[in-house]
Structures are given as structure tokens and as C-alpha cells.
Amino acid sequence: MTEKQLKLQIIFKYVFFALFLFFTIDSVSSNGWGFFSYLFAIFATKDFVSGTRLAQAYYRIKKSQK
């Protein structure tokens, strides 16, 4: 995986995190905590954690190259 591809994956993870967080907030405000609210929250959490781990790996790789 190239550096550009890794950066793009990190960006997509955080974009999907923001999108699912928006869906969660919208769903909770209109229907309360239902099935889809929990599902959106789980997806948002998964994308945030995955993006953060990729970002940590990216910075470790960049630091080791110096």
C-alpha cells in the first residue's frame, strides 16, 4: 500500500465516521434510541477506531523513515 492510498483510507474512514455520527444524531433526535440508532453508532465507532489505528500506523511508519 502506498502512502497516498493509506492517506486516502484514513480520510475515508473519518468521512464515514462523520456520516454515521450524523445519522446517529438524526435518528436519535427523531425516533429515540432504536435499533438503527445503535447500528449507526456502532458503525461510527468502528470507523473512528479503524481510522485512528490507520493514522497511528501511518505516523509510526513516517517516524521510522526519518
N, C-alpha and C. Protein backbone atom coordinates (compact mmCIF):
# COMPACT_ATOMS: atom_id res chain seq x y z
N MET A 1 0.84 -1.17 0.00
CA MET A 1 0.00 0.00 0.00
C MET A 1 0.89 1.24 0.00
N THR A 2 0.61 2.12 -0.91
CA THR A 2 1.42 3.33 -0.99
C THR A 2 0.97 4.35 0.06
N GLU A 3 1.78 5.36 0.22
CA GLU A 3 1.48 6.41 1.20
C GLU A 3 0.18 7.14 0.83
N LYS A 4 0.00 7.38 -0.45
CA LYS A 4 -1.21 8.08 -0.91
C LYS A 4 -2.46 7.25 -0.63
N GLN A 5 -2.39 5.94 -0.88
CA GLN A 5 -3.53 5.07 -0.61
C GLN A 5 -3.85 5.01 0.87
N LEU A 6 -2.83 4.99 1.71
CA LEU A 6 -3.04 4.96 3.15
C LEU A 6 -3.71 6.25 3.63
N LYS A 7 -3.23 7.38 3.13
CA LYS A 7 -3.86 8.66 3.49
C LYS A 7 -5.32 8.70 3.05
N LEU A 8 -5.59 8.19 1.86
CA LEU A 8 -6.96 8.18 1.34
C LEU A 8 -7.86 7.29 2.20
N GLN A 9 -7.35 6.15 2.63
CA GLN A 9 -8.13 5.27 3.50
C GLN A 9 -8.44 5.93 4.83
N ILE A 10 -7.47 6.64 5.39
CA ILE A 10 -7.68 7.34 6.65
C ILE A 10 -8.76 8.40 6.48
N ILE A 11 -8.69 9.15 5.39
CA ILE A 11 -9.68 10.20 5.14
C ILE A 11 -11.07 9.59 4.98
N PHE A 12 -11.18 8.50 4.21
CA PHE A 12 -12.48 7.86 4.01
C PHE A 12 -13.05 7.33 5.33
N LYS A 13 -12.21 6.78 6.18
CA LYS A 13 -12.69 6.28 7.48
C LYS A 13 -13.28 7.41 8.30
N TYR A 14 -12.61 8.56 8.34
CA TYR A 14 -13.12 9.69 9.12
C TYR A 14 -14.35 10.32 8.47
N VAL A 15 -14.43 10.31 7.15
CA VAL A 15 -15.63 10.83 6.47
C VAL A 15 -16.83 9.94 6.79
N PHE A 16 -16.64 8.62 6.73
CA PHE A 16 -17.73 7.71 7.07
C PHE A 16 -18.09 7.80 8.55
N PHE A 17 -17.09 8.04 9.41
CA PHE A 17 -17.37 8.26 10.82
C PHE A 17 -18.30 9.46 10.99
N ALA A 18 -17.98 10.56 10.32
CA ALA A 18 -18.81 11.76 10.43
C ALA A 18 -20.21 11.52 9.88
N LEU A 19 -20.29 10.79 8.78
CA LEU A 19 -21.59 10.49 8.17
C LEU A 19 -22.45 9.64 9.11
N PHE A 20 -21.88 8.57 9.66
CA PHE A 20 -22.64 7.72 10.56
C PHE A 20 -22.96 8.43 11.87
N LEU A 21 -22.09 9.31 12.32
CA LEU A 21 -22.39 10.09 13.52
C LEU A 21 -23.58 11.02 13.26
N PHE A 22 -23.60 11.62 12.09
CA PHE A 22 -24.74 12.46 11.71
C PHE A 22 -26.03 11.64 11.68
N PHE A 23 -25.98 10.44 11.06
CA PHE A 23 -27.16 9.58 11.01
C PHE A 23 -27.61 9.18 12.41
N THR A 24 -26.66 8.92 13.30
CA THR A 24 -26.99 8.55 14.67
C THR A 24 -27.71 9.70 15.37
N ILE A 25 -27.15 10.88 15.28
CA ILE A 25 -27.76 12.04 15.94
C ILE A 25 -29.15 12.32 15.37
N ASP A 26 -29.28 12.24 14.06
CA ASP A 26 -30.57 12.48 13.43
C ASP A 26 -31.60 11.42 13.84
N SER A 27 -31.18 10.17 13.87
CA SER A 27 -32.08 9.08 14.23
C SER A 27 -32.52 9.18 15.69
N VAL A 28 -31.59 9.52 16.57
CA VAL A 28 -31.92 9.63 17.99
C VAL A 28 -32.85 10.82 18.23
N SER A 29 -32.61 11.92 17.53
CA SER A 29 -33.46 13.10 17.75
C SER A 29 -34.87 12.89 17.22
N SER A 30 -35.04 12.06 16.21
CA SER A 30 -36.39 11.87 15.66
C SER A 30 -37.11 10.66 16.25
N ASN A 31 -36.40 9.56 16.52
CA ASN A 31 -37.05 8.33 16.97
C ASN A 31 -36.59 7.83 18.33
N GLY A 32 -35.63 8.46 18.93
CA GLY A 32 -35.07 7.93 20.17
C GLY A 32 -34.07 6.82 19.87
N TRP A 33 -33.64 6.14 20.92
CA TRP A 33 -32.63 5.10 20.76
C TRP A 33 -33.29 3.80 20.32
N GLY A 34 -33.38 3.61 19.01
CA GLY A 34 -33.92 2.39 18.44
C GLY A 34 -32.82 1.53 17.86
N PHE A 35 -33.23 0.53 17.10
CA PHE A 35 -32.28 -0.40 16.50
C PHE A 35 -31.29 0.31 15.58
N PHE A 36 -31.80 1.16 14.69
CA PHE A 36 -30.93 1.82 13.73
C PHE A 36 -30.00 2.84 14.38
N SER A 37 -30.46 3.45 15.46
CA SER A 37 -29.59 4.38 16.19
C SER A 37 -28.37 3.66 16.72
N TYR A 38 -28.60 2.50 17.33
CA TYR A 38 -27.48 1.71 17.84
C TYR A 38 -26.59 1.22 16.70
N LEU A 39 -27.21 0.81 15.61
CA LEU A 39 -26.44 0.32 14.46
C LEU A 39 -25.55 1.43 13.89
N PHE A 40 -26.11 2.62 13.72
CA PHE A 40 -25.32 3.75 13.22
C PHE A 40 -24.19 4.11 14.19
N ALA A 41 -24.47 4.05 15.48
CA ALA A 41 -23.44 4.36 16.49
C ALA A 41 -22.32 3.33 16.44
N ILE A 42 -22.66 2.07 16.25
CA ILE A 42 -21.64 1.02 16.15
C ILE A 42 -20.77 1.23 14.92
N PHE A 43 -21.41 1.54 13.78
CA PHE A 43 -20.64 1.79 12.56
C PHE A 43 -19.74 3.01 12.70
N ALA A 44 -20.26 4.06 13.33
CA ALA A 44 -19.45 5.27 13.54
C ALA A 44 -18.24 4.96 14.42
N THR A 45 -18.47 4.20 15.47
CA THR A 45 -17.37 3.84 16.37
C THR A 45 -16.33 3.00 15.66
N LYS A 46 -16.80 2.03 14.86
CA LYS A 46 -15.88 1.16 14.11
C LYS A 46 -15.02 1.98 13.16
N ASP A 47 -15.62 2.92 12.45
CA ASP A 47 -14.87 3.74 11.50
C ASP A 47 -13.89 4.67 12.21
N PHE A 48 -14.29 5.22 13.36
CA PHE A 48 -13.40 6.10 14.11
C PHE A 48 -12.18 5.33 14.62
N VAL A 49 -12.42 4.17 15.20
CA VAL A 49 -11.31 3.36 15.74
C VAL A 49 -10.40 2.90 14.62
N SER A 50 -10.98 2.45 13.52
CA SER A 50 -10.19 1.99 12.39
C SER A 50 -9.36 3.12 11.78
N GLY A 51 -9.96 4.28 11.62
CA GLY A 51 -9.23 5.44 11.09
C GLY A 51 -8.11 5.88 12.01
N THR A 52 -8.36 5.84 13.31
CA THR A 52 -7.34 6.23 14.28
C THR A 52 -6.18 5.25 14.27
N ARG A 53 -6.48 3.97 14.18
CA ARG A 53 -5.40 2.97 14.13
C ARG A 53 -4.57 3.11 12.85
N LEU A 54 -5.24 3.37 11.74
CA LEU A 54 -4.50 3.59 10.49
C LEU A 54 -3.63 4.83 10.59
N ALA A 55 -4.15 5.89 11.20
CA ALA A 55 -3.37 7.12 11.35
C ALA A 55 -2.16 6.88 12.26
N GLN A 56 -2.34 6.12 13.32
CA GLN A 56 -1.22 5.80 14.21
C GLN A 56 -0.16 5.00 13.46
N ALA A 57 -0.59 4.03 12.66
CA ALA A 57 0.36 3.23 11.89
C ALA A 57 1.09 4.11 10.87
N TYR A 58 0.36 5.02 10.24
CA TYR A 58 0.96 5.92 9.26
C TYR A 58 2.04 6.78 9.91
N TYR A 59 1.74 7.35 11.08
CA TYR A 59 2.72 8.21 11.75
C TYR A 59 3.91 7.41 12.27
N ARG A 60 3.68 6.17 12.69
CA ARG A 60 4.81 5.32 13.10
C ARG A 60 5.72 5.01 11.91
N ILE A 61 5.13 4.76 10.76
CA ILE A 61 5.92 4.48 9.56
C ILE A 61 6.70 5.72 9.16
N LYS A 62 6.04 6.88 9.17
CA LYS A 62 6.73 8.12 8.80
C LYS A 62 7.86 8.43 9.78
N LYS A 63 7.65 8.17 11.06
CA LYS A 63 8.67 8.45 12.06
C LYS A 63 9.87 7.51 11.90
N SER A 64 9.62 6.26 11.54
CA SER A 64 10.71 5.31 11.39
C SER A 64 11.52 5.55 10.12
N GLN A 65 10.94 6.25 9.14
CA GLN A 65 11.65 6.54 7.89
C GLN A 65 12.63 7.69 8.04
N LYS A 66 12.48 8.49 9.09
CA LYS A 66 13.36 9.66 9.27
C LYS A 66 14.69 9.27 9.80
